[in-house]
Amino acid sequence: MSVDLLSRIKSDLAVGKTAAALKRAQKEAKKQPKNAALQNAAGICMTHAKGNRDAIPYFQKAVKLAPGNLEFNFNYVQALASGGYPEKARKLADGLLEKHGGQPRLYYILAHTCFAQSDFLGTIDWATRAIAGQKSMIEAYDLRGKAYTELNRSEDALADFRAMLKRDPHNRQAMLNAAYHLNELGRQEESCEIYKRAFAQNPGKVSPLFALSKLEKKSELPKMLNVLRDRLQNTDLGRGERMTLLFATANVLDRLGEKVESMEMFDQAQAIATRMRPYDMGPWRRELERTKALFPSVPDFDMPEDEPKPIFVVGQPRSGTTLLEMMLTRPQGVAPMGELTAGLRLYGKYFADAEAVSADMVRNFAADFRAELPPVPEGTIAFVDKNPFNYRHIGLLLAAFPNAAIINLARDPRDVALSMWKQNFSSDTMNFARRMKGIAEHANLYREYIRHWESVCADRFITVNYADLVSDPQDQTRRISEFVGLDWSEEMVHPEANTARVRTASINQVRQKVHTKSIGAWQAHADRLREMVRELDPALWPEVEGAGGRG
């Protein structure tokens, strides 16, 4: 096998001729089944063409033929980690570390296996070692930045993505990630400029347009609308591109006050999303039944009441949890954590297959949860986790953190549905929000959980009505402060002055003053929401006229 052949395959990949490179590599690998370098080359081509999982057999053959070749081993382990086999990847990586000692590339691969297992602290540790050994390894900055993102450590994530841009100023993904975190940190102008740079660098990629549809100055929106309409005329757009452009166009129209046409665009976008984003209610229902069985009461395992004190704001997504977090964290001493994923993820780790709840399980859950908390300023007495889906695990949170305060934010499900309909959620967790029936099913699920917790621990959480909160923020924040054990402050009624980061679809709305404009907004879209209302369980939502098809 000549070096020229491998060079040609590599050259094809470099200029984007992925299919040609794969065809040539597979053909030669089949001709020379005992040539490790060709098997490795075929694996690299397959990674580019179809993904890591399909590349695994080629890398496996390469390692079997040349077990001492570190590059082949690295490629194999990385493909396993990204292809759905993180445990096997970690075992092989640990063996390589023991045999060959510390090397930056190996540290990076260990970071990669940790990330695949949702071990974000481990990811940060190994990626930091990789960077220390090779400061030019931009993929290690990228991976560490993503881990910081998962842990809601925006400043650290932004620093890593900027470090990438310093070494590779045209790295598009680093631009998008940096712009995202700047927006989250309230630095919208800087964010907007980077999104514009990313779009100018590659006008064929439409994702920056979606971000700009929410960030661009209002005076520039008519010009942007023309660009979006022109793009939508392209009949060769893929489904994902068309969906993104429709959402962006809908956002611009909405900001320009063209409400009717805006909603038509949202409808078209969600129609595409429904086909692209599958949704199954079964796992959600099974988790509800498992949770009821595991927590018929809140167990008392004599857990310590450590500080800072946890405050959990729960409810349906788009129910106002971000607003309440910004209110509670206006005074000093209360740290905003955004939507932490630790509670939901660690529930899966310790309780998804459990038949009973033990003290050790709860203790480990609490320890891991606190270990993942972002750093807080000295003097912090409490933190707010406003992941709305924590309503599923109120019993566990109270068992793990006896001093926790839990606030259930209740909002009219029709207003929630309308707000969800206008969002292009990136997380698969939110796939239910792509269809009206799914939104109703999750509204029912939420109410079932709350009914269960009311029967189990009603005195340990408080329910706040969103309409009351925005209509009388002073009275409601006083009531909430008394419940959670905080001193009330006038600052709480001015969340728009909060400079905290925001990592949700509400990112630009909460920079506004408290208002009541969204209360009852559903009424202008009653026909559009009819299916959703019909699917609501009237036993769970007796206050909603038409629930279950009544009336």
Protein backbone atom coordinates (compact mmCIF):
# COMPACT_ATOMS: atom_id res chain seq x y z
CA MET A 1 0.00 0.00 0.00
CA SER A 2 1.52 3.32 -1.04
CA VAL A 3 1.72 6.46 1.01
CA ASP A 4 0.24 8.24 -2.03
CA LEU A 5 -3.05 6.38 -1.59
CA LEU A 6 -3.45 7.50 2.02
CA SER A 7 -2.49 11.04 1.03
CA ARG A 8 -5.14 11.04 -1.67
CA ILE A 9 -7.81 9.87 0.76
CA LYS A 10 -6.75 12.55 3.24
CA SER A 11 -6.77 15.17 0.49
CA ASP A 12 -10.31 14.23 -0.58
CA LEU A 13 -11.51 14.63 2.99
CA ALA A 14 -9.80 18.00 3.35
CA VAL A 15 -11.66 19.45 0.35
CA GLY A 16 -15.02 18.00 1.34
CA LYS A 17 -15.08 15.02 -1.04
CA THR A 18 -16.25 12.74 1.76
CA ALA A 19 -18.15 10.25 -0.42
CA ALA A 20 -15.21 9.82 -2.80
CA ALA A 21 -12.77 9.38 0.08
CA LEU A 22 -14.99 6.79 1.76
CA LYS A 23 -15.52 4.84 -1.45
CA ARG A 24 -11.78 4.70 -2.14
CA ALA A 25 -10.87 3.81 1.45
CA GLN A 26 -13.47 1.04 1.70
CA LYS A 27 -12.41 -0.42 -1.64
CA GLU A 28 -8.74 -0.53 -0.67
CA ALA A 29 -9.46 -1.78 2.86
CA LYS A 30 -11.41 -4.68 1.37
CA LYS A 31 -8.54 -5.44 -1.03
CA GLN A 32 -5.98 -5.36 1.78
CA PRO A 33 -7.82 -6.61 4.90
CA LYS A 34 -4.58 -6.96 6.87
CA ASN A 35 -3.40 -3.41 6.26
CA ALA A 36 -4.00 -1.58 9.55
CA ALA A 37 -3.41 1.90 8.12
CA LEU A 38 -6.09 1.39 5.47
CA GLN A 39 -8.58 0.09 8.03
CA ASN A 40 -7.88 3.19 10.12
CA ALA A 41 -8.29 5.44 7.06
CA ALA A 42 -11.63 3.79 6.24
CA GLY A 43 -12.71 4.42 9.83
CA ILE A 44 -11.82 8.10 9.59
CA CYS A 45 -13.76 8.43 6.32
CA MET A 46 -16.75 6.62 7.80
CA THR A 47 -16.70 8.99 10.79
CA HIS A 48 -16.99 11.95 8.44
CA ALA A 49 -19.62 10.30 6.23
CA LYS A 50 -21.94 8.48 8.63
CA GLY A 51 -20.72 8.95 12.19
CA ASN A 52 -18.66 7.26 14.86
CA ARG A 53 -20.82 4.17 15.39
CA ASP A 54 -20.37 3.01 11.77
CA ALA A 55 -16.62 3.65 12.01
CA ILE A 56 -16.07 1.41 15.03
CA PRO A 57 -15.54 -1.89 13.10
CA TYR A 58 -12.77 -0.34 10.99
CA PHE A 59 -10.91 1.11 13.97
CA GLN A 60 -11.34 -2.18 15.82
CA LYS A 61 -9.66 -4.03 12.93
CA ALA A 62 -6.86 -1.47 12.81
CA VAL A 63 -6.14 -1.93 16.53
CA LYS A 64 -6.27 -5.71 16.24
CA LEU A 65 -3.75 -5.60 13.39
CA ALA A 66 -1.49 -3.01 15.06
CA PRO A 67 -2.17 -3.06 18.82
CA GLY A 68 0.84 -0.89 19.60
CA ASN A 69 -0.19 2.00 17.36
CA LEU A 70 -1.43 4.76 19.66
CA GLU A 71 -3.14 6.75 16.91
CA PHE A 72 -5.28 3.76 15.95
CA ASN A 73 -6.10 3.11 19.60
CA PHE A 74 -7.04 6.74 20.14
CA ASN A 75 -9.36 6.71 17.13
CA TYR A 76 -11.00 3.48 18.30
CA VAL A 77 -11.61 4.74 21.84
CA GLN A 78 -12.96 8.06 20.59
CA ALA A 79 -15.36 6.31 18.20
CA LEU A 80 -16.60 4.09 21.02
CA ALA A 81 -17.18 7.07 23.30
CA SER A 82 -19.08 9.03 20.65
CA GLY A 83 -20.81 6.00 19.19
CA GLY A 84 -22.73 4.97 22.27
CA TYR A 85 -20.24 2.79 24.16
CA PRO A 86 -18.72 5.14 26.76
CA GLU A 87 -18.14 2.43 29.39
CA LYS A 88 -16.09 0.30 27.00
CA ALA A 89 -14.25 3.40 25.81
CA ARG A 90 -13.38 4.38 29.37
CA LYS A 91 -12.06 0.91 30.17
CA LEU A 92 -9.80 0.89 27.11
CA ALA A 93 -8.65 4.47 27.75
CA ASP A 94 -7.73 3.62 31.35
CA GLY A 95 -5.68 0.70 30.02
CA LEU A 96 -3.84 2.96 27.58
CA LEU A 97 -3.13 5.44 30.37
CA GLU A 98 -1.67 2.73 32.57
CA LYS A 99 0.45 1.33 29.74
CA HIS A 100 1.64 4.50 28.01
CA GLY A 101 1.46 7.17 30.69
CA GLY A 102 0.10 10.68 30.38
CA GLN A 103 -0.20 12.17 26.91
CA PRO A 104 -2.34 15.18 25.96
CA ARG A 105 -4.26 13.26 23.28
CA LEU A 106 -5.03 10.47 25.74
CA TYR A 107 -6.16 12.98 28.35
CA TYR A 108 -8.47 14.46 25.74
CA ILE A 109 -9.93 11.04 24.96
CA LEU A 110 -10.52 10.40 28.66
CA ALA A 111 -12.30 13.76 28.81
CA HIS A 112 -14.36 12.66 25.82
CA THR A 113 -15.41 9.40 27.52
CA CYS A 114 -16.38 11.33 30.66
CA PHE A 115 -18.52 13.71 28.62
CA ALA A 116 -20.27 10.80 26.93
CA GLN A 117 -21.15 9.50 30.40
CA SER A 118 -22.40 12.94 31.55
CA ASP A 119 -19.49 13.14 34.00
CA PHE A 120 -18.87 16.83 33.42
CA LEU A 121 -16.50 17.35 36.35
CA GLY A 122 -14.37 14.49 35.04
CA THR A 123 -14.50 16.04 31.58
CA ILE A 124 -13.18 19.33 32.92
CA ASP A 125 -10.40 17.59 34.86
CA TRP A 126 -9.07 15.55 31.92
CA ALA A 127 -9.52 18.35 29.37
CA THR A 128 -7.56 20.69 31.66
CA ARG A 129 -4.71 18.16 31.76
CA ALA A 130 -4.81 17.89 27.97
CA ILE A 131 -4.60 21.68 27.61
CA ALA A 132 -1.76 21.89 30.12
CA GLY A 133 0.19 19.41 28.00
CA GLN A 134 -0.71 20.94 24.64
CA LYS A 135 -2.06 24.48 24.75
CA SER A 136 -2.85 24.43 21.03
CA MET A 137 -5.37 21.57 21.36
CA ILE A 138 -8.51 23.53 20.49
CA GLU A 139 -10.73 20.44 20.65
CA ALA A 140 -9.91 20.19 24.37
CA TYR A 141 -11.01 23.80 24.91
CA ASP A 142 -14.19 22.99 23.00
CA LEU A 143 -14.97 19.93 25.10
CA ARG A 144 -14.22 21.70 28.38
CA GLY A 145 -16.35 24.65 27.28
CA LYS A 146 -19.25 22.30 26.58
CA ALA A 147 -18.84 20.71 30.02
CA TYR A 148 -18.85 24.14 31.65
CA THR A 149 -22.01 24.89 29.66
CA GLU A 150 -23.71 21.77 31.03
CA LEU A 151 -22.84 22.91 34.55
CA ASN A 152 -24.14 26.45 33.90
CA ARG A 153 -20.68 27.97 34.31
CA SER A 154 -21.06 30.55 31.56
CA GLU A 155 -18.02 32.69 32.33
CA ASP A 156 -15.72 29.66 32.25
CA ALA A 157 -17.35 28.35 29.06
CA LEU A 158 -17.01 31.73 27.37
CA ALA A 159 -13.31 31.87 28.29
CA ASP A 160 -12.72 28.50 26.61
CA PHE A 161 -14.57 29.39 23.42
CA ARG A 162 -12.66 32.66 23.24
CA ALA A 163 -9.42 30.73 23.71
CA MET A 164 -10.44 28.65 20.69
CA LEU A 165 -11.08 31.79 18.65
CA LYS A 166 -7.70 33.21 19.63
CA ARG A 167 -6.06 30.14 18.10
CA ASP A 168 -8.54 29.74 15.23
CA PRO A 169 -10.35 33.07 14.56
CA HIS A 170 -12.58 31.53 11.89
CA ASN A 171 -13.83 28.58 13.93
CA ARG A 172 -17.55 28.91 13.31
CA GLN A 173 -18.75 26.68 16.14
CA ALA A 174 -16.58 28.57 18.63
CA MET A 175 -18.13 31.82 17.37
CA LEU A 176 -21.66 30.49 17.88
CA ASN A 177 -20.86 29.16 21.34
CA ALA A 178 -19.18 32.40 22.42
CA ALA A 179 -22.12 34.44 21.11
CA TYR A 180 -24.57 32.21 22.95
CA HIS A 181 -22.83 32.72 26.29
CA LEU A 182 -22.44 36.47 25.78
CA ASN A 183 -26.20 36.70 25.28
CA GLU A 184 -26.77 34.56 28.35
CA LEU A 185 -24.60 36.93 30.36
CA GLY A 186 -26.64 39.92 29.22
CA ARG A 187 -24.06 41.20 26.73
CA GLN A 188 -26.43 41.29 23.78
CA GLU A 189 -24.55 43.78 21.60
CA GLU A 190 -21.34 41.73 21.70
CA SER A 191 -23.33 38.57 21.08
CA CYS A 192 -25.10 40.12 18.10
CA GLU A 193 -21.83 41.20 16.50
CA ILE A 194 -20.34 37.71 16.72
CA TYR A 195 -23.47 36.11 15.26
CA LYS A 196 -23.20 38.58 12.37
CA ARG A 197 -19.55 37.62 11.84
CA ALA A 198 -20.46 33.94 11.80
CA PHE A 199 -23.19 34.56 9.23
CA ALA A 200 -20.96 36.75 7.05
CA GLN A 201 -18.27 34.08 7.10
CA ASN A 202 -20.68 31.40 5.91
CA PRO A 203 -23.98 32.84 4.61
CA GLY A 204 -25.12 29.35 3.67
CA LYS A 205 -25.56 28.39 7.33
CA VAL A 206 -28.81 29.75 8.73
CA SER A 207 -28.51 29.17 12.49
CA PRO A 208 -27.07 32.68 13.19
CA LEU A 209 -30.18 34.17 11.58
CA PHE A 210 -32.37 32.49 14.18
CA ALA A 211 -30.33 34.01 17.02
CA LEU A 212 -30.30 37.41 15.31
CA SER A 213 -34.08 37.31 14.90
CA LYS A 214 -34.27 37.81 18.67
CA LEU A 215 -31.21 40.04 19.12
CA GLU A 216 -31.11 42.45 16.19
CA LYS A 217 -32.10 46.07 16.77
CA LYS A 218 -35.72 46.77 15.86
CA SER A 219 -34.65 49.32 13.25
CA GLU A 220 -32.82 46.56 11.36
CA LEU A 221 -35.69 44.07 11.40
CA PRO A 222 -37.35 45.10 8.09
CA LYS A 223 -34.05 44.53 6.30
CA MET A 224 -33.63 41.19 8.05
CA LEU A 225 -37.17 40.19 7.14
CA ASN A 226 -36.34 40.69 3.46
CA VAL A 227 -33.28 38.46 3.81
CA LEU A 228 -35.35 35.74 5.50
CA ARG A 229 -38.16 35.89 2.94
CA ASP A 230 -35.62 35.63 0.14
CA ARG A 231 -34.01 32.58 1.77
CA LEU A 232 -37.38 30.86 2.14
CA GLN A 233 -37.88 31.04 -1.63
CA ASN A 234 -35.07 28.50 -2.07
CA THR A 235 -36.73 25.20 -2.99
CA ASP A 236 -33.55 23.23 -2.23
CA LEU A 237 -33.61 23.92 1.52
CA GLY A 238 -33.42 20.93 3.82
CA ARG A 239 -36.20 20.42 6.36
CA GLY A 240 -34.07 21.61 9.27
CA GLU A 241 -32.95 24.73 7.42
CA ARG A 242 -36.51 25.60 6.40
CA MET A 243 -37.74 25.07 9.95
CA THR A 244 -35.04 27.35 11.36
CA LEU A 245 -35.79 30.07 8.80
CA LEU A 246 -39.53 29.85 9.52
CA PHE A 247 -38.91 30.28 13.25
CA ALA A 248 -36.59 33.22 12.58
CA THR A 249 -39.13 34.85 10.27
CA ALA A 250 -41.90 34.31 12.82
CA ASN A 251 -39.75 35.94 15.52
CA VAL A 252 -39.08 39.00 13.37
CA LEU A 253 -42.73 39.37 12.39
CA ASP A 254 -43.75 39.01 16.04
CA ARG A 255 -41.32 41.76 17.08
CA LEU A 256 -42.66 43.98 14.28
CA GLY A 257 -46.20 43.53 15.55
CA GLU A 258 -47.39 41.38 12.64
CA LYS A 259 -49.05 38.87 14.96
CA VAL A 260 -51.31 37.04 12.47
CA GLU A 261 -48.60 36.31 9.91
CA SER A 262 -46.16 35.54 12.70
CA MET A 263 -48.39 32.79 14.10
CA GLU A 264 -48.87 31.33 10.63
CA MET A 265 -45.09 31.04 10.37
CA PHE A 266 -44.88 29.40 13.80
CA ASP A 267 -47.52 26.90 12.66
CA GLN A 268 -45.50 26.02 9.56
CA ALA A 269 -42.30 25.69 11.58
CA GLN A 270 -43.90 23.41 14.16
CA ALA A 271 -45.45 21.28 11.41
CA ILE A 272 -41.94 20.52 10.16
CA ALA A 273 -40.62 20.05 13.70
CA THR A 274 -43.36 17.50 14.44
CA ARG A 275 -42.02 15.30 11.64
CA MET A 276 -38.40 15.78 12.68
CA ARG A 277 -38.72 15.43 16.45
CA PRO A 278 -40.32 12.14 17.61
CA TYR A 279 -42.14 12.08 20.93
CA ASP A 280 -43.27 9.22 23.17
CA MET A 281 -45.33 9.87 26.30
CA GLY A 282 -44.74 6.32 27.59
CA PRO A 283 -41.44 6.89 29.45
CA TRP A 284 -42.84 10.01 31.13
CA ARG A 285 -45.88 8.12 32.41
CA ARG A 286 -43.76 5.21 33.65
CA GLU A 287 -41.49 7.58 35.56
CA LEU A 288 -44.54 9.12 37.24
CA GLU A 289 -45.73 5.72 38.47
CA ARG A 290 -42.21 4.81 39.62
CA THR A 291 -41.87 8.10 41.50
CA LYS A 292 -45.20 7.58 43.26
CA ALA A 293 -44.07 4.10 44.30
CA LEU A 294 -40.66 5.28 45.52
CA PHE A 295 -41.98 8.35 47.35
CA PRO A 296 -45.34 7.63 49.01
CA SER A 297 -43.91 9.97 51.65
CA VAL A 298 -40.77 12.05 52.09
CA PRO A 299 -38.20 9.85 53.86
CA ASP A 300 -36.24 11.36 56.75
CA PHE A 301 -32.65 10.17 56.63
CA ASP A 302 -31.32 12.88 58.96
CA MET A 303 -29.50 14.63 56.12
CA PRO A 304 -27.43 17.73 57.02
CA GLU A 305 -28.88 21.18 56.36
CA ASP A 306 -25.84 22.48 54.51
CA GLU A 307 -25.45 25.96 53.10
CA PRO A 308 -26.00 27.57 50.74
CA LYS A 309 -29.68 26.75 51.09
CA PRO A 310 -31.32 25.34 47.93
CA ILE A 311 -34.38 27.10 46.53
CA PHE A 312 -36.08 25.15 43.75
CA VAL A 313 -38.51 26.95 41.44
CA VAL A 314 -40.63 24.40 39.58
CA GLY A 315 -43.58 24.41 37.21
CA GLN A 316 -44.34 23.88 33.56
CA PRO A 317 -41.74 25.17 31.09
CA ARG A 318 -42.64 28.74 30.06
CA SER A 319 -44.54 29.30 33.30
CA GLY A 320 -42.36 32.18 34.52
CA THR A 321 -39.64 30.34 36.43
CA THR A 322 -36.92 32.55 34.94
CA LEU A 323 -38.72 35.71 36.03
CA LEU A 324 -39.08 34.43 39.59
CA GLU A 325 -35.43 33.41 39.71
CA MET A 326 -34.40 36.91 38.64
CA MET A 327 -36.62 38.40 41.35
CA LEU A 328 -35.26 36.19 44.12
CA THR A 329 -31.62 36.72 43.15
CA ARG A 330 -31.69 40.51 42.85
CA PRO A 331 -30.45 41.01 46.45
CA GLN A 332 -26.92 39.98 47.33
CA GLY A 333 -26.45 36.61 48.96
CA VAL A 334 -28.76 34.61 46.68
CA ALA A 335 -27.02 33.04 43.69
CA PRO A 336 -28.84 32.28 40.42
CA MET A 337 -27.99 28.85 39.03
CA GLY A 338 -30.32 28.81 36.04
CA GLU A 339 -31.71 25.45 35.04
CA LEU A 340 -29.36 22.94 36.62
CA THR A 341 -29.50 19.51 35.01
CA ALA A 342 -27.95 17.71 37.97
CA GLY A 343 -31.21 16.86 39.75
CA LEU A 344 -32.79 15.17 36.75
CA ARG A 345 -29.59 13.47 35.64
CA LEU A 346 -28.67 12.16 39.08
CA TYR A 347 -32.20 10.87 39.62
CA GLY A 348 -31.59 8.70 36.56
CA LYS A 349 -28.24 7.56 37.95
CA TYR A 350 -29.45 6.54 41.40
CA PHE A 351 -33.19 5.92 41.19
CA ALA A 352 -34.22 5.00 37.63
CA ASP A 353 -34.00 1.26 38.36
CA ALA A 354 -34.35 1.34 42.14
CA GLU A 355 -36.99 -0.71 43.93
CA ALA A 356 -36.69 1.29 47.15
CA VAL A 357 -35.07 4.48 48.42
CA SER A 358 -32.11 4.12 50.79
CA ALA A 359 -30.21 6.63 52.89
CA ASP A 360 -27.01 5.97 50.92
CA MET A 361 -28.72 6.68 47.61
CA VAL A 362 -30.10 9.98 48.86
CA ARG A 363 -26.79 10.91 50.49
CA ASN A 364 -24.86 10.20 47.27
CA PHE A 365 -27.42 12.14 45.25
CA ALA A 366 -27.03 15.18 47.53
CA ALA A 367 -23.23 14.99 47.52
CA ASP A 368 -23.01 14.72 43.73
CA PHE A 369 -25.55 17.52 43.29
CA ARG A 370 -23.55 19.93 45.45
CA ALA A 371 -20.26 18.87 43.86
CA GLU A 372 -21.57 20.01 40.47
CA LEU A 373 -22.76 23.42 41.64
CA PRO A 374 -21.06 26.36 39.91
CA PRO A 375 -18.85 28.46 42.20
CA VAL A 376 -20.78 31.01 44.24
CA PRO A 377 -19.60 34.35 45.69
CA GLU A 378 -18.40 34.43 49.28
CA GLY A 379 -21.27 35.15 51.62
CA THR A 380 -23.87 33.33 49.51
CA ILE A 381 -26.62 32.04 51.79
CA ALA A 382 -28.89 30.47 49.17
CA PHE A 383 -29.00 29.49 45.51
CA VAL A 384 -31.91 29.17 43.09
CA ASP A 385 -32.27 26.23 40.70
CA LYS A 386 -35.16 27.02 38.39
CA ASN A 387 -35.26 23.86 36.30
CA PRO A 388 -39.05 23.56 35.90
CA PHE A 389 -38.94 19.79 35.47
CA ASN A 390 -37.83 19.38 39.08
CA TYR A 391 -41.55 19.17 39.84
CA ARG A 392 -41.11 15.46 39.11
CA HIS A 393 -38.73 14.99 42.04
CA ILE A 394 -39.98 17.21 44.86
CA GLY A 395 -39.97 14.29 47.31
CA LEU A 396 -36.36 13.40 46.54
CA LEU A 397 -35.20 17.03 46.74
CA LEU A 398 -36.80 17.46 50.16
CA ALA A 399 -35.25 14.19 51.37
CA ALA A 400 -31.79 15.16 50.10
CA PHE A 401 -31.96 18.79 51.25
CA PRO A 402 -34.17 19.10 54.36
CA ASN A 403 -33.71 22.88 54.42
CA ALA A 404 -34.73 23.29 50.77
CA ALA A 405 -37.52 25.67 49.82
CA ILE A 406 -39.66 24.70 46.84
CA ILE A 407 -41.86 27.13 44.92
CA ASN A 408 -44.37 25.77 42.42
CA LEU A 409 -45.19 28.45 39.86
CA ALA A 410 -48.65 27.85 38.37
CA ARG A 411 -49.74 29.48 35.12
CA ASP A 412 -52.81 29.16 32.89
CA PRO A 413 -51.98 26.13 30.68
CA ARG A 414 -53.37 27.94 27.64
CA ASP A 415 -50.89 30.80 28.05
CA VAL A 416 -48.17 28.21 28.64
CA ALA A 417 -49.15 26.41 25.43
CA LEU A 418 -49.09 29.61 23.38
CA SER A 419 -45.67 30.52 24.75
CA MET A 420 -44.30 27.04 24.00
CA TRP A 421 -45.69 27.15 20.47
CA LYS A 422 -43.56 30.20 19.74
CA GLN A 423 -40.30 28.54 20.77
CA ASN A 424 -37.78 26.49 18.82
CA PHE A 425 -36.57 24.33 21.70
CA SER A 426 -33.22 22.66 21.04
CA SER A 427 -33.53 19.94 23.69
CA ASP A 428 -35.16 16.61 22.80
CA THR A 429 -36.78 16.76 26.24
CA MET A 430 -39.07 19.42 24.80
CA ASN A 431 -40.16 17.45 21.73
CA PHE A 432 -43.65 17.22 23.23
CA ALA A 433 -44.02 20.98 22.69
CA ARG A 434 -44.00 20.46 18.92
CA ARG A 435 -47.61 19.29 18.96
CA MET A 436 -50.69 20.61 20.81
CA LYS A 437 -51.66 17.18 22.09
CA GLY A 438 -48.19 16.73 23.57
CA ILE A 439 -48.40 20.08 25.35
CA ALA A 440 -51.73 19.03 26.90
CA GLU A 441 -50.38 15.63 27.92
CA HIS A 442 -47.51 17.28 29.74
CA ALA A 443 -49.81 19.79 31.40
CA ASN A 444 -51.80 16.82 32.72
CA LEU A 445 -48.59 15.10 33.82
CA TYR A 446 -47.47 18.20 35.70
CA ARG A 447 -50.80 18.44 37.53
CA GLU A 448 -50.69 14.74 38.43
CA TYR A 449 -47.26 15.17 40.00
CA ILE A 450 -48.38 18.25 41.94
CA ARG A 451 -51.49 16.43 43.17
CA HIS A 452 -49.24 13.61 44.41
CA TRP A 453 -46.86 15.96 46.21
CA GLU A 454 -49.81 17.83 47.73
CA SER A 455 -50.94 14.54 49.24
CA VAL A 456 -47.43 13.77 50.49
CA CYS A 457 -45.82 17.06 51.57
CA ALA A 458 -48.20 19.97 50.98
CA ASP A 459 -46.73 21.94 53.89
CA ARG A 460 -43.23 21.84 52.43
CA PHE A 461 -43.75 23.74 49.21
CA ILE A 462 -45.68 26.82 48.18
CA THR A 463 -47.73 27.42 45.02
CA VAL A 464 -47.60 30.89 43.46
CA ASN A 465 -49.90 31.95 40.63
CA TYR A 466 -48.04 33.62 37.77
CA ALA A 467 -50.85 36.12 37.18
CA ASP A 468 -50.70 37.16 40.84
CA LEU A 469 -46.91 37.45 40.70
CA VAL A 470 -46.86 39.89 37.78
CA SER A 471 -50.00 41.78 38.89
CA ASP A 472 -48.78 42.37 42.44
CA PRO A 473 -45.05 41.58 42.53
CA GLN A 474 -44.49 43.35 45.84
CA ASP A 475 -47.09 41.37 47.77
CA GLN A 476 -46.15 38.06 46.17
CA THR A 477 -42.38 38.46 46.63
CA ARG A 478 -43.01 39.29 50.30
CA ARG A 479 -45.05 36.09 50.63
CA ILE A 480 -42.37 34.04 48.87
CA SER A 481 -39.54 35.61 50.91
CA GLU A 482 -41.29 34.71 54.14
CA PHE A 483 -41.75 31.12 53.00
CA VAL A 484 -38.16 30.58 51.84
CA GLY A 485 -36.63 32.41 54.81
CA LEU A 486 -35.12 35.41 53.03
CA ASP A 487 -35.29 39.07 53.94
CA TRP A 488 -37.56 40.87 51.50
CA SER A 489 -36.00 43.64 49.42
CA GLU A 490 -37.48 46.28 47.12
CA GLU A 491 -34.95 45.07 44.54
CA MET A 492 -37.02 41.92 44.05
CA VAL A 493 -39.71 43.79 42.13
CA HIS A 494 -37.12 45.02 39.60
CA PRO A 495 -35.77 41.83 37.99
CA GLU A 496 -34.95 43.75 34.80
CA ALA A 497 -31.95 45.22 36.66
CA ASN A 498 -30.55 41.77 37.43
CA THR A 499 -27.29 41.16 35.57
CA ALA A 500 -27.34 37.39 36.13
CA ARG A 501 -26.94 35.01 33.23
CA VAL A 502 -30.04 33.45 31.67
CA ARG A 503 -29.87 30.13 29.88
CA THR A 504 -33.38 29.49 28.58
CA ALA A 505 -35.82 30.56 25.90
CA SER A 506 -36.73 33.49 28.23
CA ILE A 507 -33.25 34.92 27.81
CA ASN A 508 -34.29 38.28 26.31
CA GLN A 509 -37.74 38.65 27.87
CA VAL A 510 -36.56 38.84 31.49
CA ARG A 511 -34.44 41.91 30.72
CA GLN A 512 -37.80 43.78 30.65
CA LYS A 513 -39.77 45.23 33.56
CA VAL A 514 -42.49 43.10 35.15
CA HIS A 515 -45.68 43.37 33.08
CA THR A 516 -49.07 41.71 32.68
CA LYS A 517 -49.22 41.76 28.87
CA SER A 518 -48.97 37.98 28.54
CA ILE A 519 -51.87 37.20 30.91
CA GLY A 520 -54.72 35.85 28.83
CA ALA A 521 -52.79 36.17 25.58
CA TRP A 522 -54.18 32.78 24.59
CA GLN A 523 -57.63 34.28 24.01
CA ALA A 524 -56.57 35.75 20.66
CA HIS A 525 -55.57 32.23 19.58
CA ALA A 526 -58.42 30.17 21.02
CA ASP A 527 -59.04 28.34 17.73
CA ARG A 528 -55.39 27.38 17.41
CA LEU A 529 -55.38 26.03 20.99
CA ARG A 530 -58.68 24.13 20.76
CA GLU A 531 -57.02 20.69 20.39
CA MET A 532 -54.75 21.38 23.35
CA VAL A 533 -57.67 22.43 25.58
CA ARG A 534 -59.72 19.42 24.50
CA GLU A 535 -56.89 17.08 25.59
CA LEU A 536 -56.66 18.59 29.09
CA ASP A 537 -58.02 16.31 31.82
CA PRO A 538 -61.03 18.15 33.31
CA ALA A 539 -60.48 16.39 36.65
CA LEU A 540 -57.01 17.95 36.80
CA TRP A 541 -57.94 21.30 35.25
CA PRO A 542 -61.48 22.07 36.46
CA GLU A 543 -60.81 25.81 36.17
CA VAL A 544 -60.18 25.61 32.40
CA GLU A 545 -63.35 26.02 30.38
CA GLY A 546 -63.57 23.45 27.61
CA ALA A 547 -61.05 21.04 29.18
CA GLY A 548 -61.76 17.51 27.99
CA GLY A 549 -64.22 18.82 25.43
CA ARG A 550 -66.68 20.22 27.97
CA GLY A 551 -68.96 23.07 27.00
